[in-house]
Amino acid sequence: MKRHGIRLGVRAECLAEYTRYHVRIWPEIEAAIHAAGIRNYSIFHFQGELFGYYEYVGPPEQYAERMRTLAAAPRMREWWDIMEAMQIPHPARQPGEWWAAMEEVFHQD
């Protein structure tokens, strides 16, 4: 299992709508996230910043392929089009990233 932390901004005028969408995500999106090997997925908000946390439980060598499969899941592009309009990518993100990946520096079970 590998833990992932990610961040980006959310437009202030969109926070309530963004939250409403996430109260109950679409079943196709929920199933695709689970099929990709993502567990314990949470998104937190603080002063215009979103912090996402998830655990990938699949084989490490399959992570990139599973993320490509997730991106191609039914209705995923539709979901992302709605979400991305409400988000502000972090200016320091790496090329190809939407959410900026964070480095884990501490963990305690």
Protein backbone atom coordinates (compact mmCIF):
# COMPACT_ATOMS: atom_id res chain seq x y z
CA MET A 1 0.00 0.00 0.00
CA LYS A 2 1.27 3.48 -0.91
CA ARG A 3 -0.14 6.70 0.54
CA HIS A 4 -0.63 9.73 -1.72
CA GLY A 5 -1.12 13.38 -0.80
CA ILE A 6 -2.22 15.84 -3.48
CA ARG A 7 -3.26 19.49 -3.49
CA LEU A 8 -4.80 22.22 -5.59
CA GLY A 9 -7.02 25.26 -5.20
CA VAL A 10 -10.77 25.60 -5.40
CA ARG A 11 -12.54 28.74 -6.60
CA ALA A 12 -14.19 30.41 -3.60
CA GLU A 13 -17.47 30.88 -5.44
CA CYS A 14 -17.53 27.14 -6.27
CA LEU A 15 -16.78 25.59 -2.88
CA ALA A 16 -20.41 24.89 -1.94
CA GLU A 17 -21.11 23.28 -5.33
CA TYR A 18 -17.86 21.26 -5.20
CA THR A 19 -18.81 20.01 -1.74
CA ARG A 20 -22.34 19.16 -2.89
CA TYR A 21 -21.01 17.00 -5.74
CA HIS A 22 -18.80 15.11 -3.32
CA VAL A 23 -21.55 14.33 -0.80
CA ARG A 24 -22.45 11.45 -3.08
CA ILE A 25 -20.21 10.96 -6.09
CA TRP A 26 -21.64 9.31 -9.17
CA PRO A 27 -21.73 5.49 -8.92
CA GLU A 28 -19.60 5.08 -12.08
CA ILE A 29 -16.87 7.28 -10.58
CA GLU A 30 -16.97 5.49 -7.24
CA ALA A 31 -16.69 2.09 -8.97
CA ALA A 32 -13.81 3.25 -11.18
CA ILE A 33 -11.86 4.62 -8.20
CA HIS A 34 -12.31 1.32 -6.37
CA ALA A 35 -11.34 -0.74 -9.45
CA ALA A 36 -8.15 1.34 -9.76
CA GLY A 37 -7.04 0.13 -6.32
CA ILE A 38 -7.69 3.41 -4.52
CA ARG A 39 -8.91 3.16 -0.94
CA ASN A 40 -9.37 5.53 1.98
CA TYR A 41 -9.79 8.54 -0.33
CA SER A 42 -10.49 11.86 1.38
CA ILE A 43 -10.50 15.49 0.27
CA PHE A 44 -10.08 18.29 2.81
CA HIS A 45 -10.54 22.04 2.39
CA PHE A 46 -8.73 24.92 4.07
CA GLN A 47 -8.85 28.56 2.93
CA GLY A 48 -9.20 27.87 -0.78
CA GLU A 49 -6.86 24.88 -0.86
CA LEU A 50 -7.91 21.26 -1.33
CA PHE A 51 -5.81 18.45 0.08
CA GLY A 52 -6.52 14.97 -1.18
CA TYR A 53 -5.34 11.78 0.47
CA TYR A 54 -5.68 8.24 -0.81
CA GLU A 55 -4.05 4.86 -0.51
CA TYR A 56 -3.19 2.77 -3.54
CA VAL A 57 -3.43 -0.92 -2.68
CA GLY A 58 -2.56 -2.50 -6.03
CA PRO A 59 0.79 -3.77 -7.28
CA PRO A 60 3.29 -0.88 -7.56
CA GLU A 61 4.21 -1.79 -11.13
CA GLN A 62 0.53 -1.43 -12.17
CA TYR A 63 -0.06 2.03 -10.69
CA ALA A 64 0.52 4.07 -13.88
CA GLU A 65 -1.61 1.74 -16.00
CA ARG A 66 -4.42 1.72 -13.43
CA MET A 67 -4.42 5.51 -13.36
CA ARG A 68 -4.72 5.56 -17.18
CA THR A 69 -7.60 3.07 -16.94
CA LEU A 70 -9.24 5.26 -14.29
CA ALA A 71 -8.92 8.30 -16.57
CA ALA A 72 -10.67 6.36 -19.35
CA ALA A 73 -13.52 5.10 -17.14
CA PRO A 74 -17.10 5.77 -18.24
CA ARG A 75 -18.21 9.32 -17.34
CA MET A 76 -14.79 10.21 -15.85
CA ARG A 77 -14.12 12.94 -18.43
CA GLU A 78 -17.61 14.34 -17.75
CA TRP A 79 -16.89 14.38 -13.98
CA TRP A 80 -13.48 15.98 -14.49
CA ASP A 81 -14.90 18.66 -16.80
CA ILE A 82 -17.28 19.69 -14.01
CA MET A 83 -14.64 19.50 -11.25
CA GLU A 84 -11.81 21.16 -13.20
CA ALA A 85 -13.96 24.23 -13.88
CA MET A 86 -14.11 24.73 -10.09
CA GLN A 87 -10.43 24.04 -9.41
CA ILE A 88 -7.22 26.06 -9.61
CA PRO A 89 -4.14 23.90 -10.33
CA HIS A 90 -1.15 24.55 -8.11
CA PRO A 91 1.44 26.65 -9.98
CA ALA A 92 4.29 24.37 -8.82
CA ARG A 93 2.71 21.14 -10.10
CA GLN A 94 4.77 18.90 -12.36
CA PRO A 95 4.10 18.73 -16.12
CA GLY A 96 1.13 16.46 -16.75
CA GLU A 97 -0.27 16.85 -13.22
CA TRP A 98 -3.57 18.52 -12.38
CA TRP A 99 -3.40 17.94 -8.64
CA ALA A 100 0.14 18.60 -7.39
CA ALA A 101 1.64 15.46 -5.85
CA MET A 102 3.11 15.85 -2.38
CA GLU A 103 6.01 14.00 -0.79
CA GLU A 104 5.30 12.05 2.37
CA VAL A 105 7.73 13.05 5.11
CA PHE A 106 6.15 11.34 8.12
CA HIS A 107 3.66 8.58 8.89
CA GLN A 108 2.60 6.82 12.06
CA ASP A 109 0.04 4.00 12.35
